[in-house]
Amino acid sequence: MKSVDIGAVSPESLPDVSGMTFDNALSRKERVTRFLQVAKNLYCFNIGGVGVKIEFAEGGPSLQDTLTDYLIRQKSGL
């Protein structure tokens, strides 16, 4: 599903991960394994009826850094 056009996929056809929680006491590998058990695919899934596609760039910023920057911009009204 890495190459799927998320706009062409019905969100209902993707696994819904909206109820998932992450246990930080588990190792990163264990958390990813649990996510994959529910999502079935690392790249495309559904969160509350919205199709989500994740893409990773070699040498790009981490997801945590990207989300932190996004939340700071939202709080600042940018």
N, C-alpha and C. Protein backbone atom coordinates (compact mmCIF):
# COMPACT_ATOMS: atom_id res chain seq x y z
N MET A 1 0.82 -1.21 0.00
CA MET A 1 0.00 0.00 0.00
C MET A 1 0.85 1.26 0.00
N LYS A 2 2.15 1.11 -0.03
CA LYS A 2 3.04 2.25 -0.04
C LYS A 2 2.77 3.17 -1.23
N SER A 3 2.40 2.61 -2.36
CA SER A 3 2.21 3.41 -3.57
C SER A 3 0.75 3.76 -3.84
N VAL A 4 -0.14 3.47 -2.92
CA VAL A 4 -1.58 3.71 -3.11
C VAL A 4 -1.89 5.20 -3.08
N ASP A 5 -2.82 5.62 -3.96
CA ASP A 5 -3.37 6.98 -3.93
C ASP A 5 -4.47 6.98 -2.88
N ILE A 6 -4.23 7.61 -1.73
CA ILE A 6 -5.17 7.56 -0.61
C ILE A 6 -6.52 8.17 -0.98
N GLY A 7 -6.53 9.10 -1.92
CA GLY A 7 -7.78 9.71 -2.36
C GLY A 7 -8.67 8.75 -3.13
N ALA A 8 -8.08 7.67 -3.65
CA ALA A 8 -8.84 6.70 -4.42
C ALA A 8 -9.32 5.52 -3.57
N VAL A 9 -8.97 5.52 -2.28
CA VAL A 9 -9.32 4.42 -1.39
C VAL A 9 -10.46 4.86 -0.47
N SER A 10 -11.45 4.00 -0.32
CA SER A 10 -12.54 4.28 0.60
C SER A 10 -12.02 4.11 2.03
N PRO A 11 -12.15 5.14 2.89
CA PRO A 11 -11.67 5.02 4.27
C PRO A 11 -12.26 3.81 5.01
N GLU A 12 -13.50 3.45 4.68
CA GLU A 12 -14.14 2.32 5.34
C GLU A 12 -13.47 0.99 5.02
N SER A 13 -12.71 0.95 3.93
CA SER A 13 -12.03 -0.29 3.55
C SER A 13 -10.70 -0.47 4.29
N LEU A 14 -10.29 0.56 5.02
CA LEU A 14 -9.02 0.51 5.76
C LEU A 14 -9.29 0.22 7.23
N PRO A 15 -8.37 -0.45 7.92
CA PRO A 15 -8.53 -0.70 9.35
C PRO A 15 -8.59 0.61 10.14
N ASP A 16 -9.52 0.69 11.10
CA ASP A 16 -9.68 1.89 11.93
C ASP A 16 -8.81 1.76 13.18
N VAL A 17 -7.86 2.67 13.34
CA VAL A 17 -6.93 2.64 14.49
C VAL A 17 -7.24 3.74 15.49
N SER A 18 -8.40 4.38 15.37
CA SER A 18 -8.70 5.54 16.22
C SER A 18 -8.77 5.21 17.71
N GLY A 19 -9.06 3.99 18.06
CA GLY A 19 -9.16 3.63 19.48
C GLY A 19 -7.85 3.13 20.08
N MET A 20 -6.80 3.14 19.32
CA MET A 20 -5.53 2.59 19.82
C MET A 20 -4.88 3.52 20.83
N THR A 21 -4.22 2.91 21.78
CA THR A 21 -3.38 3.64 22.71
C THR A 21 -2.00 3.01 22.66
N PHE A 22 -0.99 3.78 23.04
CA PHE A 22 0.39 3.29 23.00
C PHE A 22 0.94 3.24 24.42
N ASP A 23 1.48 2.11 24.76
CA ASP A 23 2.08 1.88 26.07
C ASP A 23 3.57 2.18 25.98
N ASN A 24 3.99 3.32 26.52
CA ASN A 24 5.40 3.72 26.44
C ASN A 24 6.32 2.84 27.27
N ALA A 25 5.75 1.96 28.08
CA ALA A 25 6.57 1.01 28.83
C ALA A 25 7.10 -0.10 27.91
N LEU A 26 6.45 -0.27 26.76
CA LEU A 26 6.89 -1.27 25.79
C LEU A 26 8.03 -0.70 24.94
N SER A 27 8.81 -1.57 24.37
CA SER A 27 9.88 -1.12 23.47
C SER A 27 9.26 -0.57 22.19
N ARG A 28 10.02 0.18 21.44
CA ARG A 28 9.54 0.73 20.17
C ARG A 28 9.10 -0.42 19.24
N LYS A 29 9.90 -1.47 19.20
CA LYS A 29 9.57 -2.62 18.34
C LYS A 29 8.24 -3.23 18.74
N GLU A 30 7.99 -3.37 20.04
CA GLU A 30 6.72 -3.95 20.51
C GLU A 30 5.54 -3.03 20.19
N ARG A 31 5.74 -1.71 20.29
CA ARG A 31 4.66 -0.77 19.96
C ARG A 31 4.34 -0.83 18.46
N VAL A 32 5.35 -0.91 17.62
CA VAL A 32 5.14 -1.02 16.17
C VAL A 32 4.43 -2.33 15.85
N THR A 33 4.86 -3.40 16.49
CA THR A 33 4.23 -4.71 16.26
C THR A 33 2.75 -4.66 16.62
N ARG A 34 2.41 -4.07 17.74
CA ARG A 34 1.00 -3.96 18.15
C ARG A 34 0.20 -3.10 17.17
N PHE A 35 0.82 -2.00 16.71
CA PHE A 35 0.15 -1.15 15.73
C PHE A 35 -0.14 -1.94 14.45
N LEU A 36 0.85 -2.69 13.99
CA LEU A 36 0.68 -3.46 12.76
C LEU A 36 -0.36 -4.57 12.90
N GLN A 37 -0.53 -5.08 14.11
CA GLN A 37 -1.55 -6.10 14.34
C GLN A 37 -2.95 -5.52 14.10
N VAL A 38 -3.14 -4.25 14.45
CA VAL A 38 -4.43 -3.60 14.26
C VAL A 38 -4.54 -3.00 12.87
N ALA A 39 -3.52 -2.23 12.46
CA ALA A 39 -3.58 -1.48 11.21
C ALA A 39 -3.38 -2.37 9.99
N LYS A 40 -2.65 -3.45 10.15
CA LYS A 40 -2.34 -4.38 9.06
C LYS A 40 -1.36 -3.80 8.05
N ASN A 41 -1.20 -2.49 8.04
CA ASN A 41 -0.30 -1.84 7.08
C ASN A 41 0.23 -0.56 7.71
N LEU A 42 1.50 -0.34 7.59
CA LEU A 42 2.12 0.85 8.18
C LEU A 42 1.80 2.12 7.40
N TYR A 43 1.46 1.98 6.14
CA TYR A 43 1.31 3.14 5.27
C TYR A 43 -0.11 3.69 5.15
N CYS A 44 -1.14 2.85 5.19
CA CYS A 44 -2.51 3.32 5.00
C CYS A 44 -3.42 2.73 6.07
N PHE A 45 -4.21 3.60 6.70
CA PHE A 45 -5.18 3.16 7.70
C PHE A 45 -6.23 4.24 7.84
N ASN A 46 -7.18 4.01 8.70
CA ASN A 46 -8.33 4.89 8.89
C ASN A 46 -8.33 5.37 10.34
N ILE A 47 -8.56 6.65 10.53
CA ILE A 47 -8.71 7.20 11.88
C ILE A 47 -10.04 7.93 11.92
N GLY A 48 -11.01 7.33 12.58
CA GLY A 48 -12.32 7.96 12.73
C GLY A 48 -12.99 8.31 11.41
N GLY A 49 -12.87 7.45 10.41
CA GLY A 49 -13.54 7.68 9.13
C GLY A 49 -12.72 8.45 8.12
N VAL A 50 -11.48 8.80 8.46
CA VAL A 50 -10.60 9.55 7.55
C VAL A 50 -9.45 8.64 7.14
N GLY A 51 -9.26 8.48 5.84
CA GLY A 51 -8.14 7.70 5.34
C GLY A 51 -6.84 8.45 5.55
N VAL A 52 -5.84 7.74 6.06
CA VAL A 52 -4.53 8.34 6.36
C VAL A 52 -3.46 7.56 5.62
N LYS A 53 -2.56 8.28 4.97
CA LYS A 53 -1.41 7.64 4.33
C LYS A 53 -0.15 8.27 4.89
N ILE A 54 0.75 7.43 5.36
CA ILE A 54 2.02 7.87 5.93
C ILE A 54 3.11 7.65 4.90
N GLU A 55 3.95 8.66 4.71
CA GLU A 55 5.10 8.53 3.83
C GLU A 55 6.34 8.92 4.61
N PHE A 56 7.42 8.22 4.36
CA PHE A 56 8.68 8.47 5.05
C PHE A 56 9.73 8.92 4.04
N ALA A 57 10.49 9.94 4.39
CA ALA A 57 11.57 10.43 3.53
C ALA A 57 12.91 10.08 4.14
N GLU A 58 13.81 9.56 3.32
CA GLU A 58 15.17 9.28 3.80
C GLU A 58 15.80 10.59 4.26
N GLY A 59 16.29 10.61 5.46
CA GLY A 59 16.96 11.80 5.97
C GLY A 59 16.04 12.95 6.32
N GLY A 60 14.72 12.71 6.26
CA GLY A 60 13.77 13.76 6.59
C GLY A 60 13.61 13.91 8.09
N PRO A 61 12.84 14.92 8.52
CA PRO A 61 12.63 15.10 9.96
C PRO A 61 11.81 13.95 10.53
N SER A 62 11.96 13.72 11.82
CA SER A 62 11.20 12.65 12.47
C SER A 62 9.73 13.04 12.58
N LEU A 63 8.88 12.05 12.73
CA LEU A 63 7.45 12.33 12.90
C LEU A 63 7.22 13.18 14.14
N GLN A 64 7.95 12.89 15.21
CA GLN A 64 7.80 13.67 16.45
C GLN A 64 8.16 15.14 16.21
N ASP A 65 9.26 15.42 15.51
CA ASP A 65 9.64 16.80 15.22
C ASP A 65 8.60 17.49 14.34
N THR A 66 8.09 16.77 13.35
CA THR A 66 7.09 17.34 12.45
C THR A 66 5.80 17.67 13.20
N LEU A 67 5.34 16.76 14.04
CA LEU A 67 4.12 17.02 14.81
C LEU A 67 4.32 18.14 15.82
N THR A 68 5.48 18.18 16.45
CA THR A 68 5.77 19.27 17.41
C THR A 68 5.73 20.61 16.70
N ASP A 69 6.37 20.72 15.54
CA ASP A 69 6.35 21.97 14.77
C ASP A 69 4.92 22.35 14.38
N TYR A 70 4.15 21.37 13.96
CA TYR A 70 2.77 21.61 13.58
C TYR A 70 1.96 22.16 14.76
N LEU A 71 2.08 21.52 15.91
CA LEU A 71 1.32 21.96 17.08
C LEU A 71 1.74 23.35 17.55
N ILE A 72 3.01 23.65 17.46
CA ILE A 72 3.49 25.00 17.82
C ILE A 72 2.89 26.03 16.87
N ARG A 73 2.86 25.71 15.57
CA ARG A 73 2.26 26.65 14.60
C ARG A 73 0.78 26.82 14.86
N GLN A 74 0.08 25.74 15.20
CA GLN A 74 -1.34 25.83 15.49
C GLN A 74 -1.60 26.71 16.71
N LYS A 75 -0.80 26.52 17.74
CA LYS A 75 -0.97 27.31 18.95
C LYS A 75 -0.69 28.78 18.69
N SER A 76 0.25 29.07 17.81
CA SER A 76 0.62 30.45 17.48
C SER A 76 -0.37 31.09 16.52
N GLY A 77 -1.26 30.30 15.96
CA GLY A 77 -2.24 30.84 15.01
C GLY A 77 -1.69 30.96 13.61
N LEU A 78 -0.59 30.30 13.30
CA LEU A 78 -0.01 30.37 11.95
C LEU A 78 -0.61 29.35 11.03
